[in-house]
Amino acid sequence: MAEDPTEPLKPGDPAPKLEVLTSKGETVPLQSFYGKGPVVIYFYPKDDTPGCTTEACAIRDDFAAFRDLNATVLGVSYDTVESHRKFIEKYNLPFLLLSDKEKKISKAFGVKGLLMAPRVTFIIDKDQKIAWVNLKVNPQTHSQEVRTALAKLAD
């Protein structure tokens, strides 16, 4: 694998390929989600905190629209699989969360924070390239912004 970027990946960059740990406790290649449609990878600081809950629940509430756009949504934080399971169960989240305790995913995308993952979102297109990046995510408007970006990419 190429050297980890020190800056966030940009549109046109190849999407990272690495093993990830899902909220189901399974280790899978991140690229197994690629190629079927756009993949939304959103990094967030911490499970079950006010901003992160607002962000996740907005995606949950808009999930039919994400599905209509053939998008896969993956949330990423430094929380454990068990923390992710509880967060998913408590808020009935219909998408997978990835545990990045070792910060490998964050490093691969060039967005590693110190204690928590930064709030950043990437969309990966069907060609396995970064298609869209939001480095200044607002939890209240995030879901709408991502759906708007997905709709533009679908045109």
Protein backbone atom coordinates (compact mmCIF):
# COMPACT_ATOMS: atom_id res chain seq x y z
CA MET A 1 0.00 0.00 0.00
CA ALA A 2 1.13 3.54 -0.68
CA GLU A 3 2.45 5.70 2.13
CA ASP A 4 -0.27 7.17 4.33
CA PRO A 5 -1.20 10.70 3.26
CA THR A 6 -0.47 13.58 5.62
CA GLU A 7 -3.27 15.68 4.10
CA PRO A 8 -6.87 14.58 3.51
CA LEU A 9 -7.47 12.75 0.25
CA LYS A 10 -8.83 14.90 -2.58
CA PRO A 11 -11.28 14.28 -5.42
CA GLY A 12 -9.59 12.10 -8.02
CA ASP A 13 -7.37 10.29 -5.51
CA PRO A 14 -7.73 6.49 -5.40
CA ALA A 15 -9.85 5.22 -2.52
CA PRO A 16 -7.87 3.44 0.21
CA LYS A 17 -7.80 -0.33 0.34
CA LEU A 18 -7.34 -1.90 3.77
CA GLU A 19 -8.94 -4.32 6.20
CA VAL A 20 -11.63 -2.78 8.44
CA LEU A 21 -13.50 -3.99 11.53
CA THR A 22 -17.28 -3.57 11.26
CA SER A 23 -19.88 -3.08 13.96
CA LYS A 24 -20.83 -6.73 13.32
CA GLY A 25 -17.39 -7.76 14.57
CA GLU A 26 -16.25 -8.83 11.08
CA THR A 27 -12.94 -7.88 9.49
CA VAL A 28 -13.51 -7.18 5.80
CA PRO A 29 -11.67 -5.38 3.00
CA LEU A 30 -12.91 -1.79 2.79
CA GLN A 31 -12.84 -2.17 -0.99
CA SER A 32 -15.54 -4.88 -0.72
CA PHE A 33 -18.00 -1.96 -0.41
CA TYR A 34 -16.63 -0.23 -3.54
CA GLY A 35 -17.86 -0.51 -7.12
CA LYS A 36 -21.56 -1.20 -6.51
CA GLY A 37 -22.48 2.47 -6.24
CA PRO A 38 -21.20 5.47 -4.34
CA VAL A 39 -19.82 4.84 -0.85
CA VAL A 40 -20.20 7.53 1.81
CA ILE A 41 -17.52 7.27 4.48
CA TYR A 42 -18.15 9.71 7.27
CA PHE A 43 -15.74 10.14 10.17
CA TYR A 44 -17.21 11.34 13.45
CA PRO A 45 -15.73 11.90 16.93
CA LYS A 46 -17.64 9.63 19.33
CA ASP A 47 -20.65 7.34 19.63
CA ASP A 48 -23.69 8.60 21.53
CA THR A 49 -22.56 12.21 21.96
CA PRO A 50 -24.90 15.08 21.01
CA GLY A 51 -23.43 16.15 17.64
CA CYS A 52 -22.61 12.63 16.52
CA THR A 53 -26.07 11.38 17.47
CA THR A 54 -27.70 14.26 15.56
CA GLU A 55 -25.58 13.42 12.52
CA ALA A 56 -26.22 9.66 12.63
CA CYS A 57 -29.96 10.02 13.26
CA ALA A 58 -30.33 12.46 10.35
CA ILE A 59 -28.71 9.90 8.05
CA ARG A 60 -31.02 7.24 9.53
CA ASP A 61 -34.08 9.43 8.92
CA ASP A 62 -32.97 10.10 5.32
CA PHE A 63 -31.80 6.54 4.68
CA ALA A 64 -34.42 5.80 2.00
CA ALA A 65 -33.01 8.69 -0.04
CA PHE A 66 -29.48 7.28 0.32
CA ARG A 67 -30.77 3.88 -0.78
CA ASP A 68 -32.55 5.47 -3.77
CA LEU A 69 -29.18 6.94 -4.78
CA ASN A 70 -27.67 3.40 -4.51
CA ALA A 71 -25.28 4.67 -1.82
CA THR A 72 -23.61 2.65 0.91
CA VAL A 73 -23.08 4.60 4.14
CA LEU A 74 -20.26 3.75 6.55
CA GLY A 75 -19.60 5.69 9.74
CA VAL A 76 -16.09 5.65 11.23
CA SER A 77 -14.91 6.55 14.73
CA TYR A 78 -12.25 5.38 17.18
CA ASP A 79 -14.93 3.65 19.29
CA THR A 80 -14.96 -0.10 19.91
CA VAL A 81 -17.19 -2.61 18.13
CA GLU A 82 -19.22 -2.96 21.34
CA SER A 83 -19.73 0.81 21.57
CA HIS A 84 -20.83 0.84 17.92
CA ARG A 85 -23.29 -2.01 18.53
CA LYS A 86 -24.88 -0.15 21.42
CA PHE A 87 -25.06 3.09 19.40
CA ILE A 88 -26.69 1.28 16.45
CA GLU A 89 -29.17 -0.49 18.72
CA LYS A 90 -30.07 2.60 20.77
CA TYR A 91 -30.81 4.73 17.70
CA ASN A 92 -31.84 1.99 15.23
CA LEU A 93 -29.14 2.96 12.73
CA PRO A 94 -29.54 1.10 9.40
CA PHE A 95 -25.88 1.31 8.33
CA LEU A 96 -22.55 -0.16 9.44
CA LEU A 97 -20.08 1.62 11.65
CA LEU A 98 -16.36 0.87 11.40
CA SER A 99 -14.14 0.69 14.47
CA ASP A 100 -10.92 2.61 13.89
CA LYS A 101 -9.36 2.14 17.33
CA GLU A 102 -5.89 1.79 15.74
CA LYS A 103 -6.54 4.84 13.49
CA LYS A 104 -5.63 2.90 10.33
CA ILE A 105 -8.70 4.06 8.38
CA SER A 106 -8.24 7.68 9.44
CA LYS A 107 -4.57 7.58 8.47
CA ALA A 108 -5.38 6.05 5.07
CA PHE A 109 -7.78 8.94 4.36
CA GLY A 110 -5.35 11.53 5.77
CA VAL A 111 -7.66 12.69 8.57
CA LYS A 112 -6.18 11.26 11.77
CA GLY A 113 -7.12 13.12 14.92
CA LEU A 114 -5.41 12.74 18.28
CA LEU A 115 -8.10 11.59 20.72
CA MET A 116 -11.09 11.43 18.38
CA ALA A 117 -11.71 11.16 14.68
CA PRO A 118 -12.31 14.53 13.02
CA ARG A 119 -15.71 15.20 11.46
CA VAL A 120 -14.94 14.66 7.74
CA THR A 121 -16.87 12.95 4.92
CA PHE A 122 -15.74 11.32 1.68
CA ILE A 123 -17.77 9.95 -1.21
CA ILE A 124 -16.12 7.22 -3.25
CA ASP A 125 -17.43 6.71 -6.78
CA LYS A 126 -17.98 3.46 -8.67
CA ASP A 127 -14.48 3.80 -10.16
CA GLN A 128 -13.03 3.60 -6.64
CA LYS A 129 -11.86 7.20 -6.63
CA ILE A 130 -12.59 9.97 -4.16
CA ALA A 131 -15.43 11.95 -5.78
CA TRP A 132 -16.33 14.45 -3.03
CA VAL A 133 -14.89 15.61 0.29
CA ASN A 134 -16.36 17.72 3.09
CA LEU A 135 -13.71 18.82 5.60
CA LYS A 136 -16.07 21.09 7.56
CA VAL A 137 -19.04 18.91 8.45
CA ASN A 138 -21.97 20.46 10.29
CA PRO A 139 -23.92 17.65 12.05
CA GLN A 140 -27.25 19.45 11.54
CA THR A 141 -26.88 19.80 7.75
CA HIS A 142 -24.58 16.88 6.97
CA SER A 143 -27.15 14.40 5.67
CA GLN A 144 -28.69 16.95 3.28
CA GLU A 145 -25.26 18.06 2.01
CA VAL A 146 -24.22 14.47 1.31
CA ARG A 147 -27.50 13.66 -0.46
CA THR A 148 -27.09 16.79 -2.60
CA ALA A 149 -23.54 15.74 -3.51
CA LEU A 150 -24.68 12.20 -4.32
CA ALA A 151 -27.46 13.51 -6.56
CA LYS A 152 -24.98 15.72 -8.46
CA LEU A 153 -22.59 12.80 -8.89
CA ALA A 154 -25.44 10.67 -10.25
CA ASP A 155 -26.15 13.17 -13.05
